[in-house]
Amino acid sequence: MDITMLKEHESQVIKHKHIVESRTHKVSLTYRIAKRVFDFTAFLLAGIVLIIPIVLISMTICLKDHGSPFYKQKHVGKDGSPLYI
């Protein structure tokens, strides 16, 4: 490629970049704040709704199996000492 072809290609790339940038949607501050509030509210509601079945299942495991609802396994550590993971 000679220098004129490179300059022509460069100008086409710059024009294309300008067109793409002018078409991008600029998000308003109000939209970003509203989206943040919605996301946080949805997270809180989902957490509240999901915590109820988690607690009920944990209580059922404790009452039925007389153990912890969390899995733990005994391993042999350094010098034979027990290590719980």
PDB file of N, CA and C in Angstrom:
ATOM      1  N   MET A   1       0.840  -1.182   0.000  1.00  0.00           N
ATOM      2  CA  MET A   1       0.000   0.000   0.000  1.00  0.00           C
ATOM      3  C   MET A   1       0.881   1.239   0.000  1.00  0.00           C
ATOM      4  N   ASP A   2       0.490   2.198  -0.791  1.00  0.00           N
ATOM      5  CA  ASP A   2       1.252   3.442  -0.767  1.00  0.00           C
ATOM      6  C   ASP A   2       0.622   4.398   0.250  1.00  0.00           C
ATOM      7  N   ILE A   3       1.260   5.527   0.432  1.00  0.00           N
ATOM      8  CA  ILE A   3       0.866   6.466   1.486  1.00  0.00           C
ATOM      9  C   ILE A   3      -0.517   7.065   1.243  1.00  0.00           C
ATOM     10  N   THR A   4      -0.888   7.297  -0.016  1.00  0.00           N
ATOM     11  CA  THR A   4      -2.212   7.864  -0.295  1.00  0.00           C
ATOM     12  C   THR A   4      -3.310   6.888   0.061  1.00  0.00           C
ATOM     13  N   MET A   5      -3.101   5.629  -0.207  1.00  0.00           N
ATOM     14  CA  MET A   5      -4.107   4.625   0.133  1.00  0.00           C
ATOM     15  C   MET A   5      -4.261   4.519   1.645  1.00  0.00           C
ATOM     16  N   LEU A   6      -3.162   4.607   2.377  1.00  0.00           N
ATOM     17  CA  LEU A   6      -3.218   4.557   3.836  1.00  0.00           C
ATOM     18  C   LEU A   6      -3.970   5.757   4.401  1.00  0.00           C
ATOM     19  N   LYS A   7      -3.699   6.951   3.861  1.00  0.00           N
ATOM     20  CA  LYS A   7      -4.395   8.147   4.338  1.00  0.00           C
ATOM     21  C   LYS A   7      -5.887   8.074   4.032  1.00  0.00           C
ATOM     22  N   GLU A   8      -6.229   7.554   2.861  1.00  0.00           N
ATOM     23  CA  GLU A   8      -7.636   7.411   2.497  1.00  0.00           C
ATOM     24  C   GLU A   8      -8.336   6.426   3.438  1.00  0.00           C
ATOM     25  N   HIS A   9      -7.676   5.318   3.703  1.00  0.00           N
ATOM     26  CA  HIS A   9      -8.245   4.318   4.619  1.00  0.00           C
ATOM     27  C   HIS A   9      -8.416   4.909   6.024  1.00  0.00           C
ATOM     28  N   GLU A  10      -7.413   5.670   6.450  1.00  0.00           N
ATOM     29  CA  GLU A  10      -7.479   6.285   7.776  1.00  0.00           C
ATOM     30  C   GLU A  10      -8.648   7.269   7.864  1.00  0.00           C
ATOM     31  N   SER A  11      -8.862   8.047   6.830  1.00  0.00           N
ATOM     32  CA  SER A  11      -9.975   8.999   6.862  1.00  0.00           C
ATOM     33  C   SER A  11     -11.313   8.277   6.866  1.00  0.00           C
ATOM     34  N   GLN A  12     -11.413   7.157   6.171  1.00  0.00           N
ATOM     35  CA  GLN A  12     -12.650   6.375   6.183  1.00  0.00           C
ATOM     36  C   GLN A  12     -12.909   5.799   7.576  1.00  0.00           C
ATOM     37  N   VAL A  13     -11.868   5.325   8.244  1.00  0.00           N
ATOM     38  CA  VAL A  13     -12.002   4.777   9.593  1.00  0.00           C
ATOM     39  C   VAL A  13     -12.449   5.873  10.554  1.00  0.00           C
ATOM     40  N   ILE A  14     -11.869   7.059  10.433  1.00  0.00           N
ATOM     41  CA  ILE A  14     -12.241   8.167  11.314  1.00  0.00           C
ATOM     42  C   ILE A  14     -13.691   8.570  11.079  1.00  0.00           C
ATOM     43  N   LYS A  15     -14.137   8.632   9.815  1.00  0.00           N
ATOM     44  CA  LYS A  15     -15.527   8.963   9.506  1.00  0.00           C
ATOM     45  C   LYS A  15     -16.463   7.918  10.095  1.00  0.00           C
ATOM     46  N   HIS A  16     -16.112   6.641   9.935  1.00  0.00           N
ATOM     47  CA  HIS A  16     -16.947   5.564  10.467  1.00  0.00           C
ATOM     48  C   HIS A  16     -17.034   5.651  11.992  1.00  0.00           C
ATOM     49  N   LYS A  17     -15.909   5.917  12.630  1.00  0.00           N
ATOM     50  CA  LYS A  17     -15.891   6.036  14.082  1.00  0.00           C
ATOM     51  C   LYS A  17     -16.777   7.188  14.536  1.00  0.00           C
ATOM     52  N   HIS A  18     -16.729   8.311  13.824  1.00  0.00           N
ATOM     53  CA  HIS A  18     -17.563   9.468  14.162  1.00  0.00           C
ATOM     54  C   HIS A  18     -19.041   9.132  14.013  1.00  0.00           C
ATOM     55  N   ILE A  19     -19.407   8.400  12.966  1.00  0.00           N
ATOM     56  CA  ILE A  19     -20.805   8.015  12.758  1.00  0.00           C
ATOM     57  C   ILE A  19     -21.267   7.091  13.874  1.00  0.00           C
ATOM     58  N   VAL A  20     -20.455   6.119  14.242  1.00  0.00           N
ATOM     59  CA  VAL A  20     -20.816   5.179  15.298  1.00  0.00           C
ATOM     60  C   VAL A  20     -20.967   5.904  16.630  1.00  0.00           C
ATOM     61  N   GLU A  21     -20.041   6.823  16.940  1.00  0.00           N
ATOM     62  CA  GLU A  21     -20.110   7.551  18.198  1.00  0.00           C
ATOM     63  C   GLU A  21     -21.340   8.447  18.258  1.00  0.00           C
ATOM     64  N   SER A  22     -21.736   9.028  17.136  1.00  0.00           N
ATOM     65  CA  SER A  22     -22.899   9.910  17.148  1.00  0.00           C
ATOM     66  C   SER A  22     -24.188   9.117  17.307  1.00  0.00           C
ATOM     67  N   ARG A  23     -24.177   7.840  16.980  1.00  0.00           N
ATOM     68  CA  ARG A  23     -25.376   7.011  17.100  1.00  0.00           C
ATOM     69  C   ARG A  23     -25.520   6.364  18.473  1.00  0.00           C
ATOM     70  N   THR A  24     -24.478   6.399  19.274  1.00  0.00           N
ATOM     71  CA  THR A  24     -24.566   5.755  20.581  1.00  0.00           C
ATOM     72  C   THR A  24     -25.533   6.509  21.470  1.00  0.00           C
ATOM     73  N   HIS A  25     -26.256   5.751  22.251  1.00  0.00           N
ATOM     74  CA  HIS A  25     -27.273   6.333  23.132  1.00  0.00           C
ATOM     75  C   HIS A  25     -26.606   6.826  24.403  1.00  0.00           C
ATOM     76  N   LYS A  26     -26.792   8.068  24.689  1.00  0.00           N
ATOM     77  CA  LYS A  26     -26.250   8.621  25.925  1.00  0.00           C
ATOM     78  C   LYS A  26     -27.291   8.443  27.019  1.00  0.00           C
ATOM     79  N   VAL A  27     -26.926   7.725  28.057  1.00  0.00           N
ATOM     80  CA  VAL A  27     -27.852   7.404  29.136  1.00  0.00           C
ATOM     81  C   VAL A  27     -27.910   8.575  30.102  1.00  0.00           C
ATOM     82  N   SER A  28     -29.120   8.995  30.423  1.00  0.00           N
ATOM     83  CA  SER A  28     -29.289  10.132  31.321  1.00  0.00           C
ATOM     84  C   SER A  28     -29.016   9.720  32.766  1.00  0.00           C
ATOM     85  N   LEU A  29     -28.745  10.700  33.570  1.00  0.00           N
ATOM     86  CA  LEU A  29     -28.475  10.461  34.989  1.00  0.00           C
ATOM     87  C   LEU A  29     -29.718   9.928  35.689  1.00  0.00           C
ATOM     88  N   THR A  30     -30.885  10.438  35.315  1.00  0.00           N
ATOM     89  CA  THR A  30     -32.135   9.971  35.910  1.00  0.00           C
ATOM     90  C   THR A  30     -32.349   8.485  35.644  1.00  0.00           C
ATOM     91  N   TYR A  31     -32.075   8.055  34.416  1.00  0.00           N
ATOM     92  CA  TYR A  31     -32.229   6.644  34.060  1.00  0.00           C
ATOM     93  C   TYR A  31     -31.280   5.780  34.877  1.00  0.00           C
ATOM     94  N   ARG A  32     -30.034   6.214  35.001  1.00  0.00           N
ATOM     95  CA  ARG A  32     -29.059   5.412  35.748  1.00  0.00           C
ATOM     96  C   ARG A  32     -29.443   5.295  37.217  1.00  0.00           C
ATOM     97  N   ILE A  33     -29.930   6.376  37.811  1.00  0.00           N
ATOM     98  CA  ILE A  33     -30.349   6.333  39.223  1.00  0.00           C
ATOM     99  C   ILE A  33     -31.569   5.431  39.380  1.00  0.00           C
ATOM    100  N   ALA A  34     -32.547   5.565  38.467  1.00  0.00           N
ATOM    101  CA  ALA A  34     -33.749   4.731  38.545  1.00  0.00           C
ATOM    102  C   ALA A  34     -33.397   3.259  38.385  1.00  0.00           C
ATOM    103  N   LYS A  35     -32.488   2.946  37.469  1.00  0.00           N
ATOM    104  CA  LYS A  35     -32.082   1.555  37.266  1.00  0.00           C
ATOM    105  C   LYS A  35     -31.370   1.016  38.496  1.00  0.00           C
ATOM    106  N   ARG A  36     -30.528   1.827  39.111  1.00  0.00           N
ATOM    107  CA  ARG A  36     -29.812   1.404  40.316  1.00  0.00           C
ATOM    108  C   ARG A  36     -30.794   1.123  41.461  1.00  0.00           C
ATOM    109  N   VAL A  37     -31.787   1.997  41.626  1.00  0.00           N
ATOM    110  CA  VAL A  37     -32.789   1.810  42.678  1.00  0.00           C
ATOM    111  C   VAL A  37     -33.603   0.547  42.407  1.00  0.00           C
ATOM    112  N   PHE A  38     -33.999   0.337  41.145  1.00  0.00           N
ATOM    113  CA  PHE A  38     -34.759  -0.862  40.787  1.00  0.00           C
ATOM    114  C   PHE A  38     -33.938  -2.126  41.046  1.00  0.00           C
ATOM    115  N   ASP A  39     -32.684  -2.125  40.630  1.00  0.00           N
ATOM    116  CA  ASP A  39     -31.827  -3.303  40.836  1.00  0.00           C
ATOM    117  C   ASP A  39     -31.678  -3.622  42.317  1.00  0.00           C
ATOM    118  N   PHE A  40     -31.447  -2.606  43.127  1.00  0.00           N
ATOM    119  CA  PHE A  40     -31.270  -2.824  44.563  1.00  0.00           C
ATOM    120  C   PHE A  40     -32.566  -3.319  45.204  1.00  0.00           C
ATOM    121  N   THR A  41     -33.698  -2.736  44.821  1.00  0.00           N
ATOM    122  CA  THR A  41     -34.995  -3.155  45.363  1.00  0.00           C
ATOM    123  C   THR A  41     -35.309  -4.594  44.966  1.00  0.00           C
ATOM    124  N   ALA A  42     -35.051  -4.938  43.713  1.00  0.00           N
ATOM    125  CA  ALA A  42     -35.289  -6.305  43.248  1.00  0.00           C
ATOM    126  C   ALA A  42     -34.396  -7.294  44.003  1.00  0.00           C
ATOM    127  N   PHE A  43     -33.154  -6.910  44.260  1.00  0.00           N
ATOM    128  CA  PHE A  43     -32.237  -7.761  45.021  1.00  0.00           C
ATOM    129  C   PHE A  43     -32.761  -7.990  46.439  1.00  0.00           C
ATOM    130  N   LEU A  44     -33.226  -6.929  47.091  1.00  0.00           N
ATOM    131  CA  LEU A  44     -33.749  -7.071  48.450  1.00  0.00           C
ATOM    132  C   LEU A  44     -34.996  -7.955  48.486  1.00  0.00           C
ATOM    133  N   LEU A  45     -35.915  -7.739  47.558  1.00  0.00           N
ATOM    134  CA  LEU A  45     -37.135  -8.551  47.525  1.00  0.00           C
ATOM    135  C   LEU A  45     -36.825 -10.024  47.252  1.00  0.00           C
ATOM    136  N   ALA A  46     -35.918 -10.276  46.305  1.00  0.00           N
ATOM    137  CA  ALA A  46     -35.544 -11.658  46.008  1.00  0.00           C
ATOM    138  C   ALA A  46     -34.870 -12.305  47.215  1.00  0.00           C
ATOM    139  N   GLY A  47     -34.041 -11.542  47.922  1.00  0.00           N
ATOM    140  CA  GLY A  47     -33.390 -12.071  49.121  1.00  0.00           C
ATOM    141  C   GLY A  47     -34.382 -12.427  50.206  1.00  0.00           C
ATOM    142  N   ILE A  48     -35.358 -11.561  50.398  1.00  0.00           N
ATOM    143  CA  ILE A  48     -36.375 -11.820  51.429  1.00  0.00           C
ATOM    144  C   ILE A  48     -37.211 -13.037  51.051  1.00  0.00           C
ATOM    145  N   VAL A  49     -37.594 -13.134  49.786  1.00  0.00           N
ATOM    146  CA  VAL A  49     -38.419 -14.258  49.330  1.00  0.00           C
ATOM    147  C   VAL A  49     -37.645 -15.572  49.412  1.00  0.00           C
ATOM    148  N   LEU A  50     -36.369 -15.558  49.085  1.00  0.00           N
ATOM    149  CA  LEU A  50     -35.581 -16.797  49.080  1.00  0.00           C
ATOM    150  C   LEU A  50     -35.100 -17.221  50.456  1.00  0.00           C
ATOM    151  N   ILE A  51     -34.996 -16.302  51.401  1.00  0.00           N
ATOM    152  CA  ILE A  51     -34.499 -16.667  52.726  1.00  0.00           C
ATOM    153  C   ILE A  51     -35.486 -17.556  53.464  1.00  0.00           C
ATOM    154  N   ILE A  52     -36.781 -17.403  53.204  1.00  0.00           N
ATOM    155  CA  ILE A  52     -37.799 -18.203  53.890  1.00  0.00           C
ATOM    156  C   ILE A  52     -37.641 -19.691  53.583  1.00  0.00           C
ATOM    157  N   PRO A  53     -37.586 -20.131  52.304  1.00  0.00           N
ATOM    158  CA  PRO A  53     -37.394 -21.561  52.054  1.00  0.00           C
ATOM    159  C   PRO A  53     -36.037 -22.086  52.535  1.00  0.00           C
ATOM    160  N   ILE A  54     -35.016 -21.238  52.481  1.00  0.00           N
ATOM    161  CA  ILE A  54     -33.693 -21.673  52.942  1.00  0.00           C
ATOM    162  C   ILE A  54     -33.729 -21.975  54.437  1.00  0.00           C
ATOM    163  N   VAL A  55     -34.367 -21.113  55.209  1.00  0.00           N
ATOM    164  CA  VAL A  55     -34.470 -21.327  56.659  1.00  0.00           C
ATOM    165  C   VAL A  55     -35.321 -22.561  56.958  1.00  0.00           C
ATOM    166  N   LEU A  56     -36.434 -22.730  56.249  1.00  0.00           N
ATOM    167  CA  LEU A  56     -37.293 -23.897  56.476  1.00  0.00           C
ATOM    168  C   LEU A  56     -36.570 -25.206  56.156  1.00  0.00           C
ATOM    169  N   ILE A  57     -35.845 -25.233  55.056  1.00  0.00           N
ATOM    170  CA  ILE A  57     -35.095 -26.447  54.696  1.00  0.00           C
ATOM    171  C   ILE A  57     -34.006 -26.725  55.728  1.00  0.00           C
ATOM    172  N   SER A  58     -33.319 -25.682  56.181  1.00  0.00           N
ATOM    173  CA  SER A  58     -32.273 -25.864  57.198  1.00  0.00           C
ATOM    174  C   SER A  58     -32.851 -26.394  58.506  1.00  0.00           C
ATOM    175  N   MET A  59     -34.000 -25.865  58.902  1.00  0.00           N
ATOM    176  CA  MET A  59     -34.635 -26.345  60.136  1.00  0.00           C
ATOM    177  C   MET A  59     -35.089 -27.796  59.983  1.00  0.00           C
ATOM    178  N   THR A  60     -35.605 -28.162  58.818  1.00  0.00           N
ATOM    179  CA  THR A  60     -36.027 -29.540  58.575  1.00  0.00           C
ATOM    180  C   THR A  60     -34.842 -30.493  58.669  1.00  0.00           C
ATOM    181  N   ILE A  61     -33.726 -30.108  58.111  1.00  0.00           N
ATOM    182  CA  ILE A  61     -32.518 -30.948  58.180  1.00  0.00           C
ATOM    183  C   ILE A  61     -32.068 -31.099  59.624  1.00  0.00           C
ATOM    184  N   CYS A  62     -32.065 -30.014  60.372  1.00  0.00           N
ATOM    185  CA  CYS A  62     -31.646 -30.082  61.780  1.00  0.00           C
ATOM    186  C   CYS A  62     -32.565 -30.982  62.592  1.00  0.00           C
ATOM    187  N   LEU A  63     -33.868 -30.871  62.402  1.00  0.00           N
ATOM    188  CA  LEU A  63     -34.823 -31.658  63.190  1.00  0.00           C
ATOM    189  C   LEU A  63     -34.847 -33.130  62.768  1.00  0.00           C
ATOM    190  N   LYS A  64     -34.735 -33.376  61.465  1.00  0.00           N
ATOM    191  CA  LYS A  64     -34.845 -34.746  60.972  1.00  0.00           C
ATOM    192  C   LYS A  64     -33.559 -35.542  61.196  1.00  0.00           C
ATOM    193  N   ASP A  65     -32.429 -34.954  60.873  1.00  0.00           N
ATOM    194  CA  ASP A  65     -31.150 -35.672  60.939  1.00  0.00           C
ATOM    195  C   ASP A  65     -30.356 -35.374  62.212  1.00  0.00           C
ATOM    196  N   HIS A  66     -30.815 -34.450  63.018  1.00  0.00           N
ATOM    197  CA  HIS A  66     -30.106 -34.051  64.239  1.00  0.00           C
ATOM    198  C   HIS A  66     -28.666 -33.664  63.943  1.00  0.00           C
ATOM    199  N   GLY A  67     -28.483 -32.950  62.851  1.00  0.00           N
ATOM    200  CA  GLY A  67     -27.140 -32.520  62.486  1.00  0.00           C
ATOM    201  C   GLY A  67     -27.167 -31.128  61.880  1.00  0.00           C
ATOM    202  N   SER A  68     -26.033 -30.723  61.416  1.00  0.00           N
ATOM    203  CA  SER A  68     -25.900 -29.402  60.810  1.00  0.00           C
ATOM    204  C   SER A  68     -26.367 -29.446  59.354  1.00  0.00           C
ATOM    205  N   PRO A  69     -27.030 -28.408  58.889  1.00  0.00           N
ATOM    206  CA  PRO A  69     -27.415 -28.369  57.479  1.00  0.00           C
ATOM    207  C   PRO A  69     -26.222 -28.068  56.570  1.00  0.00           C
ATOM    208  N   PHE A  70     -25.096 -27.718  57.161  1.00  0.00           N
ATOM    209  CA  PHE A  70     -23.897 -27.422  56.390  1.00  0.00           C
ATOM    210  C   PHE A  70     -23.014 -28.663  56.325  1.00  0.00           C
ATOM    211  N   TYR A  71     -22.442 -28.897  55.163  1.00  0.00           N
ATOM    212  CA  TYR A  71     -21.587 -30.065  54.960  1.00  0.00           C
ATOM    213  C   TYR A  71     -20.206 -29.782  55.514  1.00  0.00           C
ATOM    214  N   LYS A  72     -19.721 -30.700  56.323  1.00  0.00           N
ATOM    215  CA  LYS A  72     -18.334 -30.611  56.748  1.00  0.00           C
ATOM    216  C   LYS A  72     -17.766 -32.014  56.803  1.00  0.00           C
ATOM    217  N   GLN A  73     -16.505 -32.114  56.507  1.00  0.00           N
ATOM    218  CA  GLN A  73     -15.861 -33.406  56.407  1.00  0.00           C
ATOM    219  C   GLN A  73     -14.561 -33.364  57.196  1.00  0.00           C
ATOM    220  N   LYS A  74     -14.277 -34.450  57.907  1.00  0.00           N
ATOM    221  CA  LYS A  74     -13.074 -34.515  58.711  1.00  0.00           C
ATOM    222  C   LYS A  74     -11.928 -35.041  57.842  1.00  0.00           C
ATOM    223  N   HIS A  75     -10.825 -34.306  57.860  1.00  0.00           N
ATOM    224  CA  HIS A  75      -9.618 -34.699  57.136  1.00  0.00           C
ATOM    225  C   HIS A  75      -8.469 -34.820  58.127  1.00  0.00           C
ATOM    226  N   VAL A  76      -7.476 -35.538  57.729  1.00  0.00           N
ATOM    227  CA  VAL A  76      -6.272 -35.661  58.568  1.00  0.00           C
ATOM    228  C   VAL A  76      -5.327 -34.545  58.171  1.00  0.00           C
ATOM    229  N   GLY A  77      -4.947 -33.749  59.175  1.00  0.00           N
ATOM    230  CA  GLY A  77      -4.057 -32.632  58.924  1.00  0.00           C
ATOM    231  C   GLY A  77      -2.609 -32.999  59.213  1.00  0.00           C
ATOM    232  N   LYS A  78      -1.802 -31.997  59.372  1.00  0.00           N
ATOM    233  CA  LYS A  78      -0.379 -32.190  59.637  1.00  0.00           C
ATOM    234  C   LYS A  78      -0.183 -32.902  60.973  1.00  0.00           C
ATOM    235  N   ASP A  79       0.673 -33.859  61.010  1.00  0.00           N
ATOM    236  CA  ASP A  79       1.008 -34.663  62.194  1.00  0.00           C
ATOM    237  C   ASP A  79      -0.227 -35.398  62.751  1.00  0.00           C
ATOM    238  N   GLY A  80      -1.194 -35.735  61.889  1.00  0.00           N
ATOM    239  CA  GLY A  80      -2.341 -36.527  62.285  1.00  0.00           C
ATOM    240  C   GLY A  80      -3.441 -35.765  62.989  1.00  0.00           C
ATOM    241  N   SER A  81      -3.302 -34.456  63.097  1.00  0.00           N
ATOM    242  CA  SER A  81      -4.335 -33.680  63.783  1.00  0.00           C
ATOM    243  C   SER A  81      -5.584 -33.580  62.877  1.00  0.00           C
ATOM    244  N   PRO A  82      -6.780 -33.570  63.488  1.00  0.00           N
ATOM    245  CA  PRO A  82      -7.988 -33.483  62.668  1.00  0.00           C
ATOM    246  C   PRO A  82      -8.163 -32.096  62.059  1.00  0.00           C
ATOM    247  N   LEU A  83      -8.670 -32.089  60.844  1.00  0.00           N
ATOM    248  CA  LEU A  83      -8.889 -30.843  60.130  1.00  0.00           C
ATOM    249  C   LEU A  83     -10.279 -30.906  59.539  1.00  0.00           C
ATOM    250  N   TYR A  84     -11.139 -29.976  59.925  1.00  0.00           N
ATOM    251  CA  TYR A  84     -12.528 -29.976  59.439  1.00  0.00           C
ATOM    252  C   TYR A  84     -12.668 -29.001  58.286  1.00  0.00           C
ATOM    253  N   ILE A  85     -13.198 -29.507  57.187  1.00  0.00           N
ATOM    254  CA  ILE A  85     -13.413 -28.676  56.000  1.00  0.00           C
ATOM    255  C   ILE A  85     -14.866 -28.789  55.592  1.00  0.00           C
TER     256      ILE A  85
END
